Amino acid sequence: MVFNPDYVTKEAREAGVNIKEVRTAKTITAPVSLWSLMELIRSKKGFNNFNQVLHFCVHKTGIDMGIES
């Protein structure tokens, strides 16, 4: 069996995760109001965690600004 880096598992696709991503840890400091807003987005969109919320928000903003397709 040959490894195919373009293959994404069903679980990864559903989570919006690409296997080519680089994982890193970073502490984010933000006001409580931002965390509250992120929690509202997470629960309304049905995301499992804040990483998915952050990915969604950044990607959506990039599309709205015309710098991402």
C-alpha atoms as a PDB file:
ATOM      1  CA  MET A   1       0.000   0.000   0.000  1.00  0.00           C
ATOM      2  CA  VAL A   2       1.400   3.391  -1.035  1.00  0.00           C
ATOM      3  CA  PHE A   3       0.860   6.483   1.136  1.00  0.00           C
ATOM      4  CA  ASN A   4      -1.284   9.075  -0.615  1.00  0.00           C
ATOM      5  CA  PRO A   5      -0.877  12.538   1.041  1.00  0.00           C
ATOM      6  CA  ASP A   6      -3.945  13.805  -0.826  1.00  0.00           C
ATOM      7  CA  TYR A   7      -6.235  11.295   0.870  1.00  0.00           C
ATOM      8  CA  VAL A   8      -8.243  12.751   3.719  1.00  0.00           C
ATOM      9  CA  THR A   9     -10.195  10.510   6.077  1.00  0.00           C
ATOM     10  CA  LYS A  10     -13.936  10.963   6.494  1.00  0.00           C
ATOM     11  CA  GLU A  11     -13.407  12.104  10.091  1.00  0.00           C
ATOM     12  CA  ALA A  12     -10.813  14.691   9.058  1.00  0.00           C
ATOM     13  CA  ARG A  13     -12.990  15.957   6.204  1.00  0.00           C
ATOM     14  CA  GLU A  14     -15.967  16.352   8.548  1.00  0.00           C
ATOM     15  CA  ALA A  15     -13.818  18.248  11.024  1.00  0.00           C
ATOM     16  CA  GLY A  16     -12.462  20.470   8.251  1.00  0.00           C
ATOM     17  CA  VAL A  17      -8.951  19.259   8.918  1.00  0.00           C
ATOM     18  CA  ASN A  18      -6.424  18.700   6.156  1.00  0.00           C
ATOM     19  CA  ILE A  19      -3.730  16.096   6.828  1.00  0.00           C
ATOM     20  CA  LYS A  20      -1.131  18.471   5.341  1.00  0.00           C
ATOM     21  CA  GLU A  21      -1.602  21.004   8.142  1.00  0.00           C
ATOM     22  CA  VAL A  22       1.137  21.976  10.552  1.00  0.00           C
ATOM     23  CA  ARG A  23       0.225  21.581  14.188  1.00  0.00           C
ATOM     24  CA  THR A  24       1.509  24.132  16.669  1.00  0.00           C
ATOM     25  CA  ALA A  25       0.545  25.371  20.108  1.00  0.00           C
ATOM     26  CA  LYS A  26      -0.091  29.033  20.800  1.00  0.00           C
ATOM     27  CA  THR A  27      -1.689  30.775  23.744  1.00  0.00           C
ATOM     28  CA  ILE A  28      -4.393  33.213  22.696  1.00  0.00           C
ATOM     29  CA  THR A  29      -5.239  36.041  25.050  1.00  0.00           C
ATOM     30  CA  ALA A  30      -8.619  37.622  24.378  1.00  0.00           C
ATOM     31  CA  PRO A  31     -11.359  39.409  26.291  1.00  0.00           C
ATOM     32  CA  VAL A  32     -14.157  37.298  27.752  1.00  0.00           C
ATOM     33  CA  SER A  33     -16.585  38.827  25.253  1.00  0.00           C
ATOM     34  CA  LEU A  34     -14.585  37.312  22.372  1.00  0.00           C
ATOM     35  CA  TRP A  35     -14.588  33.870  24.013  1.00  0.00           C
ATOM     36  CA  SER A  36     -18.344  34.213  24.551  1.00  0.00           C
ATOM     37  CA  LEU A  37     -18.857  35.071  20.890  1.00  0.00           C
ATOM     38  CA  MET A  38     -16.700  32.118  19.851  1.00  0.00           C
ATOM     39  CA  GLU A  39     -18.764  29.833  22.090  1.00  0.00           C
ATOM     40  CA  LEU A  40     -21.983  31.096  20.459  1.00  0.00           C
ATOM     41  CA  ILE A  41     -20.524  30.448  16.996  1.00  0.00           C
ATOM     42  CA  ARG A  42     -19.317  27.010  18.110  1.00  0.00           C
ATOM     43  CA  SER A  43     -22.717  25.970  19.413  1.00  0.00           C
ATOM     44  CA  LYS A  44     -24.735  27.448  16.506  1.00  0.00           C
ATOM     45  CA  LYS A  45     -22.514  25.861  13.842  1.00  0.00           C
ATOM     46  CA  GLY A  46     -22.142  22.580  15.739  1.00  0.00           C
ATOM     47  CA  PHE A  47     -18.353  22.700  15.938  1.00  0.00           C
ATOM     48  CA  ASN A  48     -16.605  20.422  18.436  1.00  0.00           C
ATOM     49  CA  ASN A  49     -13.932  22.839  19.624  1.00  0.00           C
ATOM     50  CA  PHE A  50     -12.461  26.316  19.306  1.00  0.00           C
ATOM     51  CA  ASN A  51      -9.922  25.216  16.690  1.00  0.00           C
ATOM     52  CA  GLN A  52     -12.808  24.553  14.312  1.00  0.00           C
ATOM     53  CA  VAL A  53     -14.360  27.934  15.167  1.00  0.00           C
ATOM     54  CA  LEU A  54     -11.077  29.737  14.539  1.00  0.00           C
ATOM     55  CA  HIS A  55     -10.549  27.906  11.239  1.00  0.00           C
ATOM     56  CA  PHE A  56     -14.099  28.735  10.118  1.00  0.00           C
ATOM     57  CA  CYS A  57     -13.862  32.413  11.067  1.00  0.00           C
ATOM     58  CA  VAL A  58     -10.456  32.991   9.476  1.00  0.00           C
ATOM     59  CA  HIS A  59     -11.420  31.150   6.277  1.00  0.00           C
ATOM     60  CA  LYS A  60     -14.776  32.989   6.021  1.00  0.00           C
ATOM     61  CA  THR A  61     -13.080  36.348   6.572  1.00  0.00           C
ATOM     62  CA  GLY A  62     -10.512  35.556   3.885  1.00  0.00           C
ATOM     63  CA  ILE A  63     -13.292  34.713   1.427  1.00  0.00           C
ATOM     64  CA  ASP A  64     -15.218  37.896   2.330  1.00  0.00           C
ATOM     65  CA  MET A  65     -12.060  39.965   1.776  1.00  0.00           C
ATOM     66  CA  GLY A  66     -11.382  38.293  -1.566  1.00  0.00           C
ATOM     67  CA  ILE A  67      -8.004  36.890  -0.530  1.00  0.00           C
ATOM     68  CA  GLU A  68      -9.124  33.255  -0.256  1.00  0.00           C
ATOM     69  CA  SER A  69     -11.160  31.116  -2.600  1.00  0.00           C
END
